[in-house]
Amino acid sequence: MDIKQLNYFIQIAQDQSYSVAAKKLYISQPALSKVVKNLEQELGVKLFYFAGRKTKLTDEGSLLFEKAQKLVEDFNGILSMSGSGSVMEAGHVAMGIP
C-alpha cells in the first residue's frame, strides 16, 4: 500500500464514482479499478459495493476511509514542512504502515 493508492481510494469514496474520480485524478477508469482491486487483495477485504449507479463504501471501506484521510493529511503536512525549510533542509522521509 502506498500514499497514491490511498489518494485514489479517498477520491473514489468522496465522488462515489470510479469514472468521476478517474477524470479528477487524470487516470483511466480501468487503471483506477485495478489499483482498488490490488488494494482490496492486499488488505483482504472488499472496500466498495455498487448501489445503483453509485459506489458505496463497505464497513471495512469506511474504516479505511477515516484512517486514510488522517494519514494522507499527516503525510501532506510533513511534505509541506520539508518544503518550507523550517524544519527539514534536505533528506528523505520514509513512512511505514504495519
C-alpha atoms as a PDB file:
ATOM      1  CA  MET A   1       0.000   0.000   0.000  1.00  0.00           C
ATOM      2  CA  ASP A   2       1.287   3.443  -0.822  1.00  0.00           C
ATOM      3  CA  ILE A   3       0.094   7.029  -0.489  1.00  0.00           C
ATOM      4  CA  LYS A   4      -1.003   7.191  -4.144  1.00  0.00           C
ATOM      5  CA  GLN A   5      -3.335   4.212  -3.681  1.00  0.00           C
ATOM      6  CA  LEU A   6      -4.831   5.876  -0.617  1.00  0.00           C
ATOM      7  CA  ASN A   7      -5.360   9.124  -2.523  1.00  0.00           C
ATOM      8  CA  TYR A   8      -7.145   7.214  -5.285  1.00  0.00           C
ATOM      9  CA  PHE A   9      -9.278   5.337  -2.746  1.00  0.00           C
ATOM     10  CA  ILE A  10     -10.244   8.588  -0.988  1.00  0.00           C
ATOM     11  CA  GLN A  11     -11.219  10.260  -4.270  1.00  0.00           C
ATOM     12  CA  ILE A  12     -13.478   7.351  -5.284  1.00  0.00           C
ATOM     13  CA  ALA A  13     -15.127   7.366  -1.858  1.00  0.00           C
ATOM     14  CA  GLN A  14     -15.732  11.120  -1.995  1.00  0.00           C
ATOM     15  CA  ASP A  15     -17.122  11.092  -5.544  1.00  0.00           C
ATOM     16  CA  GLN A  16     -18.995   7.796  -5.146  1.00  0.00           C
ATOM     17  CA  SER A  17     -17.979   7.032  -8.717  1.00  0.00           C
ATOM     18  CA  TYR A  18     -14.973   5.435 -10.380  1.00  0.00           C
ATOM     19  CA  SER A  19     -15.454   7.387 -13.604  1.00  0.00           C
ATOM     20  CA  VAL A  20     -15.752  10.807 -11.913  1.00  0.00           C
ATOM     21  CA  ALA A  21     -12.739  10.054  -9.706  1.00  0.00           C
ATOM     22  CA  ALA A  22     -10.748   8.862 -12.723  1.00  0.00           C
ATOM     23  CA  LYS A  23     -11.364  12.151 -14.524  1.00  0.00           C
ATOM     24  CA  LYS A  24     -10.307  14.183 -11.490  1.00  0.00           C
ATOM     25  CA  LEU A  25      -7.188  12.064 -10.978  1.00  0.00           C
ATOM     26  CA  TYR A  26      -6.240  12.085 -14.691  1.00  0.00           C
ATOM     27  CA  ILE A  27      -6.117   8.294 -14.822  1.00  0.00           C
ATOM     28  CA  SER A  28      -8.136   5.831 -16.876  1.00  0.00           C
ATOM     29  CA  GLN A  29     -11.090   4.201 -15.167  1.00  0.00           C
ATOM     30  CA  PRO A  30      -9.799   0.639 -15.780  1.00  0.00           C
ATOM     31  CA  ALA A  31      -6.425   1.571 -14.270  1.00  0.00           C
ATOM     32  CA  LEU A  32      -8.178   3.048 -11.242  1.00  0.00           C
ATOM     33  CA  SER A  33     -10.259  -0.110 -10.857  1.00  0.00           C
ATOM     34  CA  LYS A  34      -7.080  -2.176 -10.958  1.00  0.00           C
ATOM     35  CA  VAL A  35      -5.499  -0.067  -8.198  1.00  0.00           C
ATOM     36  CA  VAL A  36      -8.542  -0.627  -5.973  1.00  0.00           C
ATOM     37  CA  LYS A  37      -8.612  -4.350  -6.774  1.00  0.00           C
ATOM     38  CA  ASN A  38      -4.941  -4.646  -5.791  1.00  0.00           C
ATOM     39  CA  LEU A  39      -5.592  -2.694  -2.588  1.00  0.00           C
ATOM     40  CA  GLU A  40      -8.538  -4.973  -1.742  1.00  0.00           C
ATOM     41  CA  GLN A  41      -6.400  -8.070  -2.349  1.00  0.00           C
ATOM     42  CA  GLU A  42      -3.580  -6.691  -0.228  1.00  0.00           C
ATOM     43  CA  LEU A  43      -5.925  -5.899   2.667  1.00  0.00           C
ATOM     44  CA  GLY A  44      -8.092  -8.984   2.195  1.00  0.00           C
ATOM     45  CA  VAL A  45     -11.363  -7.036   2.369  1.00  0.00           C
ATOM     46  CA  LYS A  46     -13.913  -5.600  -0.035  1.00  0.00           C
ATOM     47  CA  LEU A  47     -13.838  -1.786   0.082  1.00  0.00           C
ATOM     48  CA  PHE A  48     -16.713  -0.812  -2.225  1.00  0.00           C
ATOM     49  CA  TYR A  49     -20.071  -2.106  -3.379  1.00  0.00           C
ATOM     50  CA  PHE A  50     -22.427  -0.753  -6.001  1.00  0.00           C
ATOM     51  CA  ALA A  51     -25.856   0.676  -5.174  1.00  0.00           C
ATOM     52  CA  GLY A  52     -27.433   1.532  -8.482  1.00  0.00           C
ATOM     53  CA  ARG A  53     -25.012   3.862 -10.237  1.00  0.00           C
ATOM     54  CA  LYS A  54     -23.270   4.924  -7.028  1.00  0.00           C
ATOM     55  CA  THR A  55     -20.190   3.378  -5.490  1.00  0.00           C
ATOM     56  CA  LYS A  56     -20.611   2.955  -1.731  1.00  0.00           C
ATOM     57  CA  LEU A  57     -18.128   2.059   0.987  1.00  0.00           C
ATOM     58  CA  THR A  58     -18.414  -1.226   2.823  1.00  0.00           C
ATOM     59  CA  ASP A  59     -17.982  -1.187   6.611  1.00  0.00           C
ATOM     60  CA  GLU A  60     -14.293  -2.024   6.161  1.00  0.00           C
ATOM     61  CA  GLY A  61     -14.039   0.647   3.466  1.00  0.00           C
ATOM     62  CA  SER A  62     -15.494   3.241   5.849  1.00  0.00           C
ATOM     63  CA  LEU A  63     -12.884   2.397   8.481  1.00  0.00           C
ATOM     64  CA  LEU A  64     -10.090   2.632   5.929  1.00  0.00           C
ATOM     65  CA  PHE A  65     -11.517   5.918   4.612  1.00  0.00           C
ATOM     66  CA  GLU A  66     -11.314   7.558   8.061  1.00  0.00           C
ATOM     67  CA  LYS A  67      -7.779   6.305   8.692  1.00  0.00           C
ATOM     68  CA  ALA A  68      -6.602   7.086   5.160  1.00  0.00           C
ATOM     69  CA  GLN A  69      -7.819  10.683   5.332  1.00  0.00           C
ATOM     70  CA  LYS A  70      -5.846  11.264   8.538  1.00  0.00           C
ATOM     71  CA  LEU A  71      -2.766   9.530   7.146  1.00  0.00           C
ATOM     72  CA  VAL A  72      -2.787  11.483   3.872  1.00  0.00           C
ATOM     73  CA  GLU A  73      -3.341  14.742   5.767  1.00  0.00           C
ATOM     74  CA  ASP A  74      -0.382  13.974   8.049  1.00  0.00           C
ATOM     75  CA  PHE A  75       1.744  12.945   5.070  1.00  0.00           C
ATOM     76  CA  ASN A  76       0.959  16.184   3.227  1.00  0.00           C
ATOM     77  CA  GLY A  77       1.746  18.139   6.406  1.00  0.00           C
ATOM     78  CA  ILE A  78       5.169  16.506   6.557  1.00  0.00           C
ATOM     79  CA  LEU A  79       5.787  17.340   2.913  1.00  0.00           C
ATOM     80  CA  SER A  80       4.787  20.968   3.403  1.00  0.00           C
ATOM     81  CA  MET A  81       7.111  21.250   6.421  1.00  0.00           C
ATOM     82  CA  SER A  82      10.015  19.904   4.418  1.00  0.00           C
ATOM     83  CA  GLY A  83       9.245  22.305   1.554  1.00  0.00           C
ATOM     84  CA  SER A  84       9.287  25.374   3.788  1.00  0.00           C
ATOM     85  CA  GLY A  85      12.791  24.709   5.040  1.00  0.00           C
ATOM     86  CA  SER A  86      11.753  25.491   8.601  1.00  0.00           C
ATOM     87  CA  VAL A  87      12.263  22.004   9.982  1.00  0.00           C
ATOM     88  CA  MET A  88      13.968  19.928   7.337  1.00  0.00           C
ATOM     89  CA  GLU A  89      16.529  21.233   4.924  1.00  0.00           C
ATOM     90  CA  ALA A  90      17.175  18.093   2.893  1.00  0.00           C
ATOM     91  CA  GLY A  91      16.928  14.351   3.143  1.00  0.00           C
ATOM     92  CA  HIS A  92      14.449  11.572   2.778  1.00  0.00           C
ATOM     93  CA  VAL A  93      11.249  10.824   4.600  1.00  0.00           C
ATOM     94  CA  ALA A  94      10.173   7.192   4.821  1.00  0.00           C
ATOM     95  CA  MET A  95       6.857   6.121   6.278  1.00  0.00           C
ATOM     96  CA  GLY A  96       5.698   2.602   7.006  1.00  0.00           C
ATOM     97  CA  ILE A  97       2.291   1.229   7.746  1.00  0.00           C
ATOM     98  CA  PRO A  98       2.130  -2.049   9.626  1.00  0.00           C
END
